[in-house]
Amino acid sequence: MKTTIKKLVACASLAVGVAAISSAHAQNFPDGAVTIVVPFAAGTTTDQTARMLGEVMAEDLGQPVVIENRAGAGGSIGTQQVVQSNSDGYTLSMGTVGTLAINKAIYPDNPYDPEKDVTPIAFVGYTPTLLVVSGDSDFHSLDDLIAKAEDGGVIFASAGNGTSGHLAGELLNIQSDGSMIHVPFRSGAEGLTAVMSGEVDFMFYHPVAALPNIEAGTLRAIGVSGVAGSSVAPNVPPIAETFPDFDLVAWFLLAGPADMADDVTERLRVAVENSLASERVREYFERTGIEYGDVAPDNLRQFISDEVAKWGNIADSAQAQAD
């Protein structure tokens, strides 16, 4: 009996020691560089947003924030790398609507579950996408496009099967009850080029990439995917004015592996919030059309679950699957 008690005391002491070490580590966090994995190529909206945020976060944290691009499988490869990493807070992911919502529906064997395998840290922002047509197109309004879809059909581009632009086009096809054929491209840039040349009729894409061509007259925006419109394209009507249930936006959310310590998660969340309040990030958001969100920290997990369900329903209705 005495031996058993001694063992129990020893185990309890070990547990207290481990907890103390863990707490001390959290209080000293970070004491080295933090890596944000961007699960897409350099130059994408996700990449640019992560780099801007990382620069300002580094000042708040007092440690370097390194951006690592790890593209592939619609962002699943880079996200899996983070999910499988140590949960000490030094390896994070710039999560997106694709990696933390859409991929669960369109990849039958997606290697992680965004509702179980990540720690959501902070909501970064969101951006509605613009429905763009060629500057020379006969489509001057959404009604023009719908009429052609009902009459003889139209073709729309995307940056790939299962992307938010693909599913936005599919939702428009479902709600308009017309005939819209999807053509996936290897990148958003290739899709935009196809729209400008008239190879395809339209595309949904981020304002930051489309605006230069809109200003040059080679593209025309005739709709916005978000119900609130776009701050950088205030004269373009929301598609919700025609189809009230149409409200789709792309978003960014900083996340880490499951089971991160609360103290570490909170320190990172504060760094994100302080960075979002900075003039540099505010100016970047205004320039690129990214909007501030209002998802409270306690609601992040529910937000992800709601988005998984919403985009999953669209993917199921459109029978959309990744390549």
C-alpha atoms as a PDB file:
ATOM      1  CA  MET A   1       0.000   0.000   0.000  1.00  0.00           C
ATOM      2  CA  LYS A   2       2.842   2.417   0.927  1.00  0.00           C
ATOM      3  CA  THR A   3       4.547   1.646  -2.379  1.00  0.00           C
ATOM      4  CA  THR A   4       1.334   2.412  -4.248  1.00  0.00           C
ATOM      5  CA  ILE A   5       0.928   5.739  -2.431  1.00  0.00           C
ATOM      6  CA  LYS A   6       4.531   6.655  -3.228  1.00  0.00           C
ATOM      7  CA  LYS A   7       3.897   5.899  -6.894  1.00  0.00           C
ATOM      8  CA  LEU A   8       0.754   8.033  -6.889  1.00  0.00           C
ATOM      9  CA  VAL A   9       2.584  10.935  -5.252  1.00  0.00           C
ATOM     10  CA  ALA A  10       5.398  10.620  -7.774  1.00  0.00           C
ATOM     11  CA  CYS A  11       2.953  10.621 -10.687  1.00  0.00           C
ATOM     12  CA  ALA A  12       1.109  13.618  -9.269  1.00  0.00           C
ATOM     13  CA  SER A  13       4.378  15.500  -8.822  1.00  0.00           C
ATOM     14  CA  LEU A  14       5.378  14.689 -12.391  1.00  0.00           C
ATOM     15  CA  ALA A  15       2.018  15.943 -13.698  1.00  0.00           C
ATOM     16  CA  VAL A  16       2.370  19.197 -11.735  1.00  0.00           C
ATOM     17  CA  GLY A  17       5.892  19.601 -13.069  1.00  0.00           C
ATOM     18  CA  VAL A  18       4.807  19.083 -16.665  1.00  0.00           C
ATOM     19  CA  ALA A  19       1.946  21.548 -16.201  1.00  0.00           C
ATOM     20  CA  ALA A  20       4.313  24.119 -14.720  1.00  0.00           C
ATOM     21  CA  ILE A  21       6.737  23.720 -17.602  1.00  0.00           C
ATOM     22  CA  SER A  22       3.882  24.026 -20.091  1.00  0.00           C
ATOM     23  CA  SER A  23       2.562  27.150 -18.352  1.00  0.00           C
ATOM     24  CA  ALA A  24       6.014  28.718 -18.243  1.00  0.00           C
ATOM     25  CA  HIS A  25       6.484  27.951 -21.933  1.00  0.00           C
ATOM     26  CA  ALA A  26       3.166  29.605 -22.776  1.00  0.00           C
ATOM     27  CA  GLN A  27       4.094  32.693 -20.753  1.00  0.00           C
ATOM     28  CA  ASN A  28       7.393  32.987 -22.656  1.00  0.00           C
ATOM     29  CA  PHE A  29       5.788  32.392 -26.048  1.00  0.00           C
ATOM     30  CA  PRO A  30       7.146  33.058 -28.537  1.00  0.00           C
ATOM     31  CA  ASP A  31      10.864  32.706 -27.991  1.00  0.00           C
ATOM     32  CA  GLY A  32      11.647  32.028 -31.650  1.00  0.00           C
ATOM     33  CA  ALA A  33      10.330  32.433 -35.174  1.00  0.00           C
ATOM     34  CA  VAL A  34       6.699  31.615 -35.949  1.00  0.00           C
ATOM     35  CA  THR A  35       5.909  30.066 -39.333  1.00  0.00           C
ATOM     36  CA  ILE A  36       2.667  30.714 -41.202  1.00  0.00           C
ATOM     37  CA  VAL A  37       2.155  28.123 -43.911  1.00  0.00           C
ATOM     38  CA  VAL A  38       0.325  29.524 -46.934  1.00  0.00           C
ATOM     39  CA  PRO A  39      -1.215  26.500 -48.676  1.00  0.00           C
ATOM     40  CA  PHE A  40      -1.172  28.251 -52.049  1.00  0.00           C
ATOM     41  CA  ALA A  41       1.416  29.679 -54.426  1.00  0.00           C
ATOM     42  CA  ALA A  42       3.265  32.948 -53.880  1.00  0.00           C
ATOM     43  CA  GLY A  43       1.470  35.972 -55.270  1.00  0.00           C
ATOM     44  CA  THR A  44      -2.063  34.728 -54.556  1.00  0.00           C
ATOM     45  CA  THR A  45      -4.448  36.812 -52.457  1.00  0.00           C
ATOM     46  CA  THR A  46      -3.959  34.396 -49.558  1.00  0.00           C
ATOM     47  CA  ASP A  47      -0.186  34.742 -49.835  1.00  0.00           C
ATOM     48  CA  GLN A  48      -0.229  38.539 -50.005  1.00  0.00           C
ATOM     49  CA  THR A  49      -2.602  38.766 -47.062  1.00  0.00           C
ATOM     50  CA  ALA A  50      -0.488  36.396 -44.955  1.00  0.00           C
ATOM     51  CA  ARG A  51       2.672  38.342 -45.735  1.00  0.00           C
ATOM     52  CA  MET A  52       1.159  41.675 -44.787  1.00  0.00           C
ATOM     53  CA  LEU A  53      -0.324  40.264 -41.584  1.00  0.00           C
ATOM     54  CA  GLY A  54       2.911  38.434 -40.745  1.00  0.00           C
ATOM     55  CA  GLU A  55       5.004  41.583 -41.058  1.00  0.00           C
ATOM     56  CA  VAL A  56       2.909  43.420 -38.503  1.00  0.00           C
ATOM     57  CA  MET A  57       2.461  40.401 -36.238  1.00  0.00           C
ATOM     58  CA  ALA A  58       6.247  40.065 -36.025  1.00  0.00           C
ATOM     59  CA  GLU A  59       6.446  43.529 -34.504  1.00  0.00           C
ATOM     60  CA  ASP A  60       3.790  42.655 -31.926  1.00  0.00           C
ATOM     61  CA  LEU A  61       5.289  39.261 -31.057  1.00  0.00           C
ATOM     62  CA  GLY A  62       8.877  40.480 -31.033  1.00  0.00           C
ATOM     63  CA  GLN A  63       9.924  37.495 -33.157  1.00  0.00           C
ATOM     64  CA  PRO A  64      10.175  36.851 -36.911  1.00  0.00           C
ATOM     65  CA  VAL A  65       7.087  35.533 -38.698  1.00  0.00           C
ATOM     66  CA  VAL A  66       8.154  33.377 -41.635  1.00  0.00           C
ATOM     67  CA  ILE A  67       5.811  32.745 -44.572  1.00  0.00           C
ATOM     68  CA  GLU A  68       6.163  29.303 -46.154  1.00  0.00           C
ATOM     69  CA  ASN A  69       4.289  28.493 -49.380  1.00  0.00           C
ATOM     70  CA  ARG A  70       3.174  24.870 -49.671  1.00  0.00           C
ATOM     71  CA  ALA A  71       0.688  24.608 -52.527  1.00  0.00           C
ATOM     72  CA  GLY A  72      -1.208  21.603 -53.837  1.00  0.00           C
ATOM     73  CA  ALA A  73      -4.568  19.795 -53.733  1.00  0.00           C
ATOM     74  CA  GLY A  74      -6.564  22.974 -53.272  1.00  0.00           C
ATOM     75  CA  GLY A  75      -4.576  23.901 -50.175  1.00  0.00           C
ATOM     76  CA  SER A  76      -4.960  20.522 -48.470  1.00  0.00           C
ATOM     77  CA  ILE A  77      -1.252  19.640 -48.657  1.00  0.00           C
ATOM     78  CA  GLY A  78      -0.076  22.736 -46.807  1.00  0.00           C
ATOM     79  CA  THR A  79      -2.904  22.534 -44.303  1.00  0.00           C
ATOM     80  CA  GLN A  80      -2.134  18.879 -43.581  1.00  0.00           C
ATOM     81  CA  GLN A  81       1.465  19.860 -42.863  1.00  0.00           C
ATOM     82  CA  VAL A  82       0.250  22.249 -40.167  1.00  0.00           C
ATOM     83  CA  VAL A  83      -2.304  19.825 -38.746  1.00  0.00           C
ATOM     84  CA  GLN A  84       0.430  17.203 -38.289  1.00  0.00           C
ATOM     85  CA  SER A  85       2.961  19.613 -36.754  1.00  0.00           C
ATOM     86  CA  ASN A  86       3.707  20.247 -33.094  1.00  0.00           C
ATOM     87  CA  SER A  87       0.871  22.095 -31.363  1.00  0.00           C
ATOM     88  CA  ASP A  88       3.254  24.536 -29.660  1.00  0.00           C
ATOM     89  CA  GLY A  89       2.049  27.500 -31.726  1.00  0.00           C
ATOM     90  CA  TYR A  90       5.138  27.885 -33.888  1.00  0.00           C
ATOM     91  CA  THR A  91       3.576  26.394 -37.041  1.00  0.00           C
ATOM     92  CA  LEU A  92       0.321  27.944 -38.215  1.00  0.00           C
ATOM     93  CA  SER A  93      -1.811  28.054 -41.338  1.00  0.00           C
ATOM     94  CA  MET A  94      -3.471  30.904 -43.177  1.00  0.00           C
ATOM     95  CA  GLY A  95      -6.739  29.043 -43.462  1.00  0.00           C
ATOM     96  CA  THR A  96      -9.271  29.896 -46.149  1.00  0.00           C
ATOM     97  CA  VAL A  97     -12.826  29.111 -47.137  1.00  0.00           C
ATOM     98  CA  GLY A  98     -11.299  26.419 -49.347  1.00  0.00           C
ATOM     99  CA  THR A  99      -9.009  24.703 -46.867  1.00  0.00           C
ATOM    100  CA  LEU A 100     -11.303  24.955 -43.840  1.00  0.00           C
ATOM    101  CA  ALA A 101     -14.708  24.474 -45.482  1.00  0.00           C
ATOM    102  CA  ILE A 102     -14.934  23.512 -49.156  1.00  0.00           C
ATOM    103  CA  ASN A 103     -12.241  20.832 -49.265  1.00  0.00           C
ATOM    104  CA  LYS A 104     -14.060  18.633 -46.765  1.00  0.00           C
ATOM    105  CA  ALA A 105     -16.921  18.353 -49.255  1.00  0.00           C
ATOM    106  CA  ILE A 106     -15.059  17.992 -52.535  1.00  0.00           C
ATOM    107  CA  TYR A 107     -12.123  15.772 -51.557  1.00  0.00           C
ATOM    108  CA  PRO A 108     -13.491  12.336 -50.568  1.00  0.00           C
ATOM    109  CA  ASP A 109     -10.204  11.500 -48.852  1.00  0.00           C
ATOM    110  CA  ASN A 110      -9.301  14.922 -47.466  1.00  0.00           C
ATOM    111  CA  PRO A 111      -6.475  14.180 -44.999  1.00  0.00           C
ATOM    112  CA  TYR A 112      -7.829  16.329 -42.163  1.00  0.00           C
ATOM    113  CA  ASP A 113     -11.145  17.438 -40.672  1.00  0.00           C
ATOM    114  CA  PRO A 114     -11.360  21.238 -40.244  1.00  0.00           C
ATOM    115  CA  GLU A 115     -13.949  20.800 -37.516  1.00  0.00           C
ATOM    116  CA  LYS A 116     -11.726  18.551 -35.391  1.00  0.00           C
ATOM    117  CA  ASP A 117      -8.086  18.795 -36.411  1.00  0.00           C
ATOM    118  CA  VAL A 118      -7.348  22.522 -36.142  1.00  0.00           C
ATOM    119  CA  THR A 119      -7.301  25.206 -33.480  1.00  0.00           C
ATOM    120  CA  PRO A 120      -8.981  28.325 -34.875  1.00  0.00           C
ATOM    121  CA  ILE A 121      -7.049  31.363 -33.631  1.00  0.00           C
ATOM    122  CA  ALA A 122      -8.480  34.513 -35.180  1.00  0.00           C
ATOM    123  CA  PHE A 123     -10.686  35.606 -38.056  1.00  0.00           C
ATOM    124  CA  VAL A 124      -8.628  37.775 -40.394  1.00  0.00           C
ATOM    125  CA  GLY A 125     -11.087  39.089 -42.974  1.00  0.00           C
ATOM    126  CA  TYR A 126     -13.271  38.262 -45.941  1.00  0.00           C
ATOM    127  CA  THR A 127     -13.733  39.343 -49.521  1.00  0.00           C
ATOM    128  CA  PRO A 128     -16.697  39.029 -51.840  1.00  0.00           C
ATOM    129  CA  THR A 129     -15.803  38.018 -55.362  1.00  0.00           C
ATOM    130  CA  LEU A 130     -16.673  39.910 -58.515  1.00  0.00           C
ATOM    131  CA  LEU A 131     -18.571  38.374 -61.410  1.00  0.00           C
ATOM    132  CA  VAL A 132     -16.547  39.626 -64.378  1.00  0.00           C
ATOM    133  CA  VAL A 133     -17.060  39.461 -68.128  1.00  0.00           C
ATOM    134  CA  SER A 134     -14.928  40.698 -70.990  1.00  0.00           C
ATOM    135  CA  GLY A 135     -14.772  44.441 -71.513  1.00  0.00           C
ATOM    136  CA  ASP A 136     -16.083  43.802 -75.029  1.00  0.00           C
ATOM    137  CA  SER A 137     -18.900  41.522 -73.872  1.00  0.00           C
ATOM    138  CA  ASP A 138     -22.550  42.128 -74.703  1.00  0.00           C
ATOM    139  CA  PHE A 139     -23.345  41.386 -71.055  1.00  0.00           C
ATOM    140  CA  HIS A 140     -23.806  44.714 -69.277  1.00  0.00           C
ATOM    141  CA  SER A 141     -25.827  43.348 -66.372  1.00  0.00           C
ATOM    142  CA  LEU A 142     -26.606  40.112 -64.578  1.00  0.00           C
ATOM    143  CA  ASP A 143     -29.979  40.075 -66.349  1.00  0.00           C
ATOM    144  CA  ASP A 144     -28.183  40.016 -69.718  1.00  0.00           C
ATOM    145  CA  LEU A 145     -26.120  37.039 -68.622  1.00  0.00           C
ATOM    146  CA  ILE A 146     -29.114  35.149 -67.237  1.00  0.00           C
ATOM    147  CA  ALA A 147     -31.093  35.747 -70.432  1.00  0.00           C
ATOM    148  CA  LYS A 148     -28.275  34.251 -72.511  1.00  0.00           C
ATOM    149  CA  ALA A 149     -27.972  31.307 -70.097  1.00  0.00           C
ATOM    150  CA  GLU A 150     -31.673  30.607 -70.511  1.00  0.00           C
ATOM    151  CA  ASP A 151     -31.545  31.048 -74.283  1.00  0.00           C
ATOM    152  CA  GLY A 152     -28.471  29.176 -75.410  1.00  0.00           C
ATOM    153  CA  GLY A 153     -26.162  28.695 -72.455  1.00  0.00           C
ATOM    154  CA  VAL A 154     -22.971  30.348 -71.255  1.00  0.00           C
ATOM    155  CA  ILE A 155     -19.518  29.135 -70.204  1.00  0.00           C
ATOM    156  CA  PHE A 156     -17.783  30.174 -67.003  1.00  0.00           C
ATOM    157  CA  ALA A 157     -14.199  29.792 -65.861  1.00  0.00           C
ATOM    158  CA  SER A 158     -12.661  29.083 -62.483  1.00  0.00           C
ATOM    159  CA  ALA A 159      -9.247  28.599 -60.934  1.00  0.00           C
ATOM    160  CA  GLY A 160     -10.013  24.875 -60.654  1.00  0.00           C
ATOM    161  CA  ASN A 161     -12.640  22.335 -59.695  1.00  0.00           C
ATOM    162  CA  GLY A 162     -13.963  22.840 -56.183  1.00  0.00           C
ATOM    163  CA  THR A 163     -12.689  26.400 -55.756  1.00  0.00           C
ATOM    164  CA  SER A 164     -14.983  29.072 -54.340  1.00  0.00           C
ATOM    165  CA  GLY A 165     -15.248  30.601 -57.823  1.00  0.00           C
ATOM    166  CA  HIS A 166     -16.355  27.268 -59.261  1.00  0.00           C
ATOM    167  CA  LEU A 167     -19.022  26.757 -56.604  1.00  0.00           C
ATOM    168  CA  ALA A 168     -20.221  30.361 -56.911  1.00  0.00           C
ATOM    169  CA  GLY A 169     -20.772  29.746 -60.619  1.00  0.00           C
ATOM    170  CA  GLU A 170     -22.581  26.503 -59.883  1.00  0.00           C
ATOM    171  CA  LEU A 171     -24.857  28.226 -57.358  1.00  0.00           C
ATOM    172  CA  LEU A 172     -25.684  30.913 -59.921  1.00  0.00           C
ATOM    173  CA  ASN A 173     -26.458  28.169 -62.423  1.00  0.00           C
ATOM    174  CA  ILE A 174     -28.776  26.433 -59.947  1.00  0.00           C
ATOM    175  CA  GLN A 175     -30.594  29.588 -58.899  1.00  0.00           C
ATOM    176  CA  SER A 176     -30.973  30.991 -62.423  1.00  0.00           C
ATOM    177  CA  ASP A 177     -32.206  27.665 -63.776  1.00  0.00           C
ATOM    178  CA  GLY A 178     -30.230  28.331 -66.936  1.00  0.00           C
ATOM    179  CA  SER A 179     -27.471  26.468 -68.719  1.00  0.00           C
ATOM    180  CA  MET A 180     -23.975  27.296 -67.491  1.00  0.00           C
ATOM    181  CA  ILE A 181     -21.006  25.111 -68.386  1.00  0.00           C
ATOM    182  CA  HIS A 182     -17.952  25.117 -66.139  1.00  0.00           C
ATOM    183  CA  VAL A 183     -14.405  25.137 -67.535  1.00  0.00           C
ATOM    184  CA  PRO A 184     -11.679  24.828 -64.866  1.00  0.00           C
ATOM    185  CA  PHE A 185      -8.260  26.388 -65.462  1.00  0.00           C
ATOM    186  CA  ARG A 186      -4.980  25.748 -63.703  1.00  0.00           C
ATOM    187  CA  SER A 187      -4.965  29.196 -62.117  1.00  0.00           C
ATOM    188  CA  GLY A 188      -7.104  32.259 -61.651  1.00  0.00           C
ATOM    189  CA  ALA A 189      -4.831  34.248 -63.956  1.00  0.00           C
ATOM    190  CA  GLU A 190      -5.442  31.799 -66.794  1.00  0.00           C
ATOM    191  CA  GLY A 191      -9.177  31.974 -66.175  1.00  0.00           C
ATOM    192  CA  LEU A 192      -9.187  35.769 -66.301  1.00  0.00           C
ATOM    193  CA  THR A 193      -7.225  35.688 -69.557  1.00  0.00           C
ATOM    194  CA  ALA A 194      -9.851  33.356 -71.031  1.00  0.00           C
ATOM    195  CA  VAL A 195     -12.608  35.770 -69.971  1.00  0.00           C
ATOM    196  CA  MET A 196     -10.819  38.764 -71.486  1.00  0.00           C
ATOM    197  CA  SER A 197     -10.258  36.933 -74.773  1.00  0.00           C
ATOM    198  CA  GLY A 198     -13.879  35.817 -74.997  1.00  0.00           C
ATOM    199  CA  GLU A 199     -12.979  32.141 -74.756  1.00  0.00           C
ATOM    200  CA  VAL A 200     -15.410  31.915 -71.828  1.00  0.00           C
ATOM    201  CA  ASP A 201     -18.247  34.207 -70.801  1.00  0.00           C
ATOM    202  CA  PHE A 202     -17.637  34.992 -67.140  1.00  0.00           C
ATOM    203  CA  MET A 203     -15.788  34.194 -63.942  1.00  0.00           C
ATOM    204  CA  PHE A 204     -15.982  34.875 -60.210  1.00  0.00           C
ATOM    205  CA  TYR A 205     -12.692  36.166 -58.821  1.00  0.00           C
ATOM    206  CA  HIS A 206     -11.089  38.266 -56.092  1.00  0.00           C
ATOM    207  CA  PRO A 207     -11.289  42.068 -56.549  1.00  0.00           C
ATOM    208  CA  VAL A 208      -7.560  42.556 -55.975  1.00  0.00           C
ATOM    209  CA  ALA A 209      -6.771  40.494 -59.092  1.00  0.00           C
ATOM    210  CA  ALA A 210      -9.639  41.719 -61.256  1.00  0.00           C
ATOM    211  CA  LEU A 211      -9.585  45.456 -60.523  1.00  0.00           C
ATOM    212  CA  PRO A 212      -6.520  46.400 -62.630  1.00  0.00           C
ATOM    213  CA  ASN A 213      -8.159  44.869 -65.700  1.00  0.00           C
ATOM    214  CA  ILE A 214     -11.523  46.440 -64.846  1.00  0.00           C
ATOM    215  CA  GLU A 215      -9.829  49.840 -64.647  1.00  0.00           C
ATOM    216  CA  ALA A 216      -8.077  49.142 -67.954  1.00  0.00           C
ATOM    217  CA  GLY A 217     -11.384  48.266 -69.605  1.00  0.00           C
ATOM    218  CA  THR A 218     -10.463  44.682 -70.474  1.00  0.00           C
ATOM    219  CA  LEU A 219     -12.883  43.321 -67.854  1.00  0.00           C
ATOM    220  CA  ARG A 220     -16.310  44.471 -66.689  1.00  0.00           C
ATOM    221  CA  ALA A 221     -17.852  43.623 -63.310  1.00  0.00           C
ATOM    222  CA  ILE A 222     -21.597  42.981 -63.405  1.00  0.00           C
ATOM    223  CA  GLY A 223     -22.175  41.409 -59.997  1.00  0.00           C
ATOM    224  CA  VAL A 224     -20.784  40.905 -56.485  1.00  0.00           C
ATOM    225  CA  SER A 225     -21.088  37.574 -54.670  1.00  0.00           C
ATOM    226  CA  GLY A 226     -21.540  39.078 -51.192  1.00  0.00           C
ATOM    227  CA  VAL A 227     -24.887  40.471 -50.075  1.00  0.00           C
ATOM    228  CA  ALA A 228     -23.217  43.645 -48.741  1.00  0.00           C
ATOM    229  CA  GLY A 229     -21.423  44.400 -52.011  1.00  0.00           C
ATOM    230  CA  SER A 230     -17.756  45.339 -52.324  1.00  0.00           C
ATOM    231  CA  SER A 231     -16.078  48.436 -50.897  1.00  0.00           C
ATOM    232  CA  VAL A 232     -13.728  48.629 -53.889  1.00  0.00           C
ATOM    233  CA  ALA A 233     -16.533  48.226 -56.423  1.00  0.00           C
ATOM    234  CA  PRO A 234     -19.397  50.138 -54.779  1.00  0.00           C
ATOM    235  CA  ASN A 235     -21.322  50.642 -58.021  1.00  0.00           C
ATOM    236  CA  VAL A 236     -21.515  46.935 -58.829  1.00  0.00           C
ATOM    237  CA  PRO A 237     -24.804  45.427 -57.591  1.00  0.00           C
ATOM    238  CA  PRO A 238     -24.854  42.371 -55.321  1.00  0.00           C
ATOM    239  CA  ILE A 239     -26.208  39.253 -57.000  1.00  0.00           C
ATOM    240  CA  ALA A 240     -28.503  39.003 -53.970  1.00  0.00           C
ATOM    241  CA  GLU A 241     -30.585  41.789 -55.490  1.00  0.00           C
ATOM    242  CA  THR A 242     -31.637  39.231 -58.113  1.00  0.00           C
ATOM    243  CA  PHE A 243     -31.303  36.034 -56.084  1.00  0.00           C
ATOM    244  CA  PRO A 244     -31.845  36.860 -52.376  1.00  0.00           C
ATOM    245  CA  ASP A 245     -30.157  33.682 -51.078  1.00  0.00           C
ATOM    246  CA  PHE A 246     -26.927  34.357 -52.969  1.00  0.00           C
ATOM    247  CA  ASP A 247     -24.307  35.355 -50.387  1.00  0.00           C
ATOM    248  CA  LEU A 248     -20.883  33.780 -50.807  1.00  0.00           C
ATOM    249  CA  VAL A 249     -17.581  35.272 -49.719  1.00  0.00           C
ATOM    250  CA  ALA A 250     -14.005  34.070 -49.505  1.00  0.00           C
ATOM    251  CA  TRP A 251     -12.422  34.419 -46.064  1.00  0.00           C
ATOM    252  CA  PHE A 252      -9.153  34.062 -44.170  1.00  0.00           C
ATOM    253  CA  LEU A 253      -8.698  32.596 -40.701  1.00  0.00           C
ATOM    254  CA  LEU A 254      -5.434  31.985 -38.868  1.00  0.00           C
ATOM    255  CA  ALA A 255      -5.363  28.442 -37.472  1.00  0.00           C
ATOM    256  CA  GLY A 256      -2.993  25.978 -35.884  1.00  0.00           C
ATOM    257  CA  PRO A 257      -2.924  22.259 -35.041  1.00  0.00           C
ATOM    258  CA  ALA A 258      -5.466  20.804 -32.643  1.00  0.00           C
ATOM    259  CA  ASP A 259      -4.872  21.006 -28.884  1.00  0.00           C
ATOM    260  CA  MET A 260      -2.876  24.222 -28.780  1.00  0.00           C
ATOM    261  CA  ALA A 261      -2.480  25.664 -25.279  1.00  0.00           C
ATOM    262  CA  ASP A 262      -5.060  28.326 -24.449  1.00  0.00           C
ATOM    263  CA  ASP A 263      -2.385  30.831 -23.405  1.00  0.00           C
ATOM    264  CA  VAL A 264      -0.502  30.416 -26.662  1.00  0.00           C
ATOM    265  CA  THR A 265      -3.678  30.665 -28.726  1.00  0.00           C
ATOM    266  CA  GLU A 266      -4.673  33.830 -26.865  1.00  0.00           C
ATOM    267  CA  ARG A 267      -1.240  35.426 -27.397  1.00  0.00           C
ATOM    268  CA  LEU A 268      -1.487  34.787 -31.128  1.00  0.00           C
ATOM    269  CA  ARG A 269      -5.068  36.024 -31.249  1.00  0.00           C
ATOM    270  CA  VAL A 270      -4.076  39.299 -29.581  1.00  0.00           C
ATOM    271  CA  ALA A 271      -1.208  39.702 -32.055  1.00  0.00           C
ATOM    272  CA  VAL A 272      -3.629  39.233 -34.968  1.00  0.00           C
ATOM    273  CA  GLU A 273      -6.154  41.694 -33.527  1.00  0.00           C
ATOM    274  CA  ASN A 274      -3.464  44.294 -32.859  1.00  0.00           C
ATOM    275  CA  SER A 275      -2.167  43.842 -36.401  1.00  0.00           C
ATOM    276  CA  LEU A 276      -5.640  44.190 -37.915  1.00  0.00           C
ATOM    277  CA  ALA A 277      -6.007  47.491 -36.066  1.00  0.00           C
ATOM    278  CA  SER A 278      -2.759  48.856 -37.513  1.00  0.00           C
ATOM    279  CA  GLU A 279      -2.746  51.497 -40.217  1.00  0.00           C
ATOM    280  CA  ARG A 280      -0.662  49.323 -42.552  1.00  0.00           C
ATOM    281  CA  VAL A 281      -3.133  46.441 -42.551  1.00  0.00           C
ATOM    282  CA  ARG A 282      -6.113  48.797 -42.716  1.00  0.00           C
ATOM    283  CA  GLU A 283      -4.677  50.465 -45.826  1.00  0.00           C
ATOM    284  CA  TYR A 284      -3.951  47.061 -47.372  1.00  0.00           C
ATOM    285  CA  PHE A 285      -7.535  45.936 -46.788  1.00  0.00           C
ATOM    286  CA  GLU A 286      -8.917  49.131 -48.309  1.00  0.00           C
ATOM    287  CA  ARG A 287      -6.700  48.726 -51.371  1.00  0.00           C
ATOM    288  CA  THR A 288      -7.500  45.065 -51.975  1.00  0.00           C
ATOM    289  CA  GLY A 289     -11.184  44.925 -51.081  1.00  0.00           C
ATOM    290  CA  ILE A 290     -10.759  42.718 -48.013  1.00  0.00           C
ATOM    291  CA  GLU A 291     -13.357  43.485 -45.354  1.00  0.00           C
ATOM    292  CA  TYR A 292     -13.138  43.187 -41.583  1.00  0.00           C
ATOM    293  CA  GLY A 293     -15.199  40.363 -40.117  1.00  0.00           C
ATOM    294  CA  ASP A 294     -17.067  40.191 -36.824  1.00  0.00           C
ATOM    295  CA  VAL A 295     -16.569  36.557 -35.849  1.00  0.00           C
ATOM    296  CA  ALA A 296     -15.845  36.448 -32.130  1.00  0.00           C
ATOM    297  CA  PRO A 297     -13.127  34.048 -30.892  1.00  0.00           C
ATOM    298  CA  ASP A 298     -15.671  31.886 -29.042  1.00  0.00           C
ATOM    299  CA  ASN A 299     -17.680  31.505 -32.262  1.00  0.00           C
ATOM    300  CA  LEU A 300     -14.843  30.461 -34.582  1.00  0.00           C
ATOM    301  CA  ARG A 301     -15.498  26.719 -34.353  1.00  0.00           C
ATOM    302  CA  GLN A 302     -19.207  27.196 -35.014  1.00  0.00           C
ATOM    303  CA  PHE A 303     -18.375  29.503 -37.906  1.00  0.00           C
ATOM    304  CA  ILE A 304     -16.221  26.787 -39.503  1.00  0.00           C
ATOM    305  CA  SER A 305     -18.963  24.187 -38.999  1.00  0.00           C
ATOM    306  CA  ASP A 306     -21.573  26.477 -40.551  1.00  0.00           C
ATOM    307  CA  GLU A 307     -19.341  27.159 -43.547  1.00  0.00           C
ATOM    308  CA  VAL A 308     -18.603  23.448 -44.008  1.00  0.00           C
ATOM    309  CA  ALA A 309     -22.346  22.795 -44.134  1.00  0.00           C
ATOM    310  CA  LYS A 310     -23.126  25.703 -46.478  1.00  0.00           C
ATOM    311  CA  TRP A 311     -20.462  24.958 -49.058  1.00  0.00           C
ATOM    312  CA  GLY A 312     -21.053  21.234 -48.731  1.00  0.00           C
ATOM    313  CA  ASN A 313     -24.684  21.708 -49.711  1.00  0.00           C
ATOM    314  CA  ILE A 314     -23.645  23.675 -52.809  1.00  0.00           C
ATOM    315  CA  ALA A 315     -21.057  21.059 -53.766  1.00  0.00           C
ATOM    316  CA  ASP A 316     -23.604  18.270 -53.328  1.00  0.00           C
ATOM    317  CA  SER A 317     -26.220  20.088 -55.405  1.00  0.00           C
ATOM    318  CA  ALA A 318     -23.710  20.711 -58.177  1.00  0.00           C
ATOM    319  CA  GLN A 319     -22.134  17.240 -57.782  1.00  0.00           C
ATOM    320  CA  ALA A 320     -18.785  19.030 -57.622  1.00  0.00           C
ATOM    321  CA  GLN A 321     -15.634  17.036 -56.951  1.00  0.00           C
ATOM    322  CA  ALA A 322     -11.994  18.028 -57.003  1.00  0.00           C
ATOM    323  CA  ASP A 323      -9.667  16.896 -59.785  1.00  0.00           C
END
